[in-house]
């Protein structure tokens, strides 16, 4: 294994704060789940949307301020009082050092505990 030493400062600014606005505390896994954020943050390339029961996870990527997980996307989640929803606004930059491609990621995240029933 070759070690690569480098110094780099990303030229991209971190995305602005991302914050939930429309997400119920209880969500039915027999229907769809809609998640909304206040607005798409500045300096954001994309947003990763996640709902999880702790074992299984459903994810989407979208630059919109609202995403709906369909019944088929959340049907594999188990009913739990300890579910989680997360949104991560991010941007990335790629550089090559010593022939190896290195990815630099800036992100801001909001998380919320939710119940699946």
Protein backbone atom coordinates (compact mmCIF):
# COMPACT_ATOMS: atom_id res chain seq x y z
CA UNK A 1 0.00 0.00 0.00
CA UNK A 2 1.42 3.35 -1.08
CA UNK A 3 0.89 6.33 1.16
CA UNK A 4 0.03 9.61 -0.52
CA UNK A 5 0.66 12.86 1.29
CA UNK A 6 -0.96 16.03 0.04
CA UNK A 7 -2.32 19.37 1.13
CA UNK A 8 -5.50 20.75 -0.35
CA UNK A 9 -8.01 23.46 0.42
CA UNK A 10 -11.29 23.05 -1.42
CA UNK A 11 -12.37 26.01 -3.51
CA UNK A 12 -16.07 25.32 -2.91
CA UNK A 13 -18.02 26.93 -0.09
CA UNK A 14 -19.98 24.67 2.25
CA UNK A 15 -23.71 24.47 1.50
CA UNK A 16 -26.03 26.65 3.53
CA UNK A 17 -28.01 25.17 6.42
CA UNK A 18 -30.63 22.60 5.43
CA UNK A 19 -33.70 22.26 7.66
CA UNK A 20 -36.85 20.12 7.72
CA UNK A 21 -40.18 21.86 7.37
CA UNK A 22 -42.76 19.21 6.53
CA UNK A 23 -42.32 15.83 8.17
CA UNK A 24 -44.80 14.21 10.50
CA UNK A 25 -43.56 12.57 13.70
CA UNK A 26 -45.53 9.42 12.77
CA UNK A 27 -45.44 7.97 9.27
CA UNK A 28 -47.24 5.00 7.78
CA UNK A 29 -45.05 2.52 5.94
CA UNK A 30 -48.15 1.29 4.13
CA UNK A 31 -48.40 4.62 2.30
CA UNK A 32 -46.03 7.24 0.97
CA UNK A 33 -43.81 9.52 3.06
CA UNK A 34 -43.28 13.13 2.01
CA UNK A 35 -40.38 15.18 3.34
CA UNK A 36 -39.94 18.92 2.82
CA UNK A 37 -37.18 21.38 3.60
CA UNK A 38 -37.35 25.14 4.11
CA UNK A 39 -35.51 25.74 0.81
CA UNK A 40 -32.64 24.45 -1.28
CA UNK A 41 -29.48 25.82 0.37
CA UNK A 42 -26.97 28.00 -1.46
CA UNK A 43 -23.77 26.30 -2.72
CA UNK A 44 -25.54 22.95 -2.95
CA UNK A 45 -24.87 20.52 -5.83
CA UNK A 46 -27.50 18.03 -4.68
CA UNK A 47 -29.49 16.81 -1.68
CA UNK A 48 -29.48 13.27 -0.30
CA UNK A 49 -32.80 12.27 1.34
CA UNK A 50 -32.84 9.27 3.71
CA UNK A 51 -35.44 7.42 5.79
CA UNK A 52 -34.39 4.41 7.84
CA UNK A 53 -35.77 2.01 10.43
CA UNK A 54 -32.25 1.31 11.72
CA UNK A 55 -31.79 -1.80 9.57
CA UNK A 56 -33.14 -0.89 6.15
CA UNK A 57 -32.78 2.43 4.39
CA UNK A 58 -34.54 4.19 1.53
CA UNK A 59 -32.65 7.01 -0.22
CA UNK A 60 -33.19 9.54 -2.99
CA UNK A 61 -31.14 12.32 -4.50
CA UNK A 62 -32.97 15.45 -5.60
CA UNK A 63 -32.37 19.19 -5.78
CA UNK A 64 -36.03 19.86 -5.01
CA UNK A 65 -37.31 21.14 -1.67
CA UNK A 66 -39.86 18.29 -1.38
CA UNK A 67 -39.44 14.55 -1.95
CA UNK A 68 -41.96 11.73 -1.68
CA UNK A 69 -40.93 8.16 -0.97
CA UNK A 70 -43.56 5.93 -2.58
CA UNK A 71 -45.25 3.00 -0.87
CA UNK A 72 -42.98 0.57 -2.76
CA UNK A 73 -39.86 2.48 -1.62
CA UNK A 74 -40.78 2.36 2.10
CA UNK A 75 -42.63 -0.96 2.20
CA UNK A 76 -39.45 -2.78 3.30
CA UNK A 77 -39.08 -0.61 6.41
CA UNK A 78 -40.17 -2.08 9.72
CA UNK A 79 -42.57 -0.43 12.15
CA UNK A 80 -40.50 1.25 14.85
CA UNK A 81 -40.60 4.18 17.25
CA UNK A 82 -36.89 4.76 16.53
CA UNK A 83 -36.85 5.60 12.82
CA UNK A 84 -34.81 8.43 11.41
CA UNK A 85 -35.08 10.87 8.53
CA UNK A 86 -32.03 12.77 7.30
CA UNK A 87 -31.35 15.32 4.63
CA UNK A 88 -27.83 16.16 3.51
CA UNK A 89 -27.13 19.11 1.24
CA UNK A 90 -23.71 18.65 -0.32
CA UNK A 91 -21.22 19.64 -2.98
CA UNK A 92 -18.08 17.86 -4.04
CA UNK A 93 -14.77 18.45 -5.70
CA UNK A 94 -12.42 15.90 -7.27
CA UNK A 95 -8.63 16.19 -7.46
CA UNK A 96 -5.88 13.75 -8.40
CA UNK A 97 -2.83 13.27 -6.18
CA UNK A 98 -0.15 10.67 -6.94
CA UNK A 99 -2.36 9.14 -9.62
CA UNK A 100 -5.22 8.60 -7.13
CA UNK A 101 -8.56 10.36 -7.45
CA UNK A 102 -9.57 12.00 -4.17
CA UNK A 103 -13.09 13.30 -3.49
CA UNK A 104 -13.67 16.26 -1.17
CA UNK A 105 -17.22 16.65 0.13
CA UNK A 106 -18.79 19.58 1.96
CA UNK A 107 -22.18 18.92 3.53
CA UNK A 108 -24.74 20.14 5.98
CA UNK A 109 -27.21 17.68 7.54
CA UNK A 110 -30.48 17.79 9.45
CA UNK A 111 -31.80 14.67 11.23
CA UNK A 112 -35.12 13.91 12.84
CA UNK A 113 -36.30 10.90 14.84
CA UNK A 114 -39.60 9.60 13.50
CA UNK A 115 -42.01 6.73 14.11
CA UNK A 116 -42.96 4.24 11.40
CA UNK A 117 -46.26 2.40 11.89
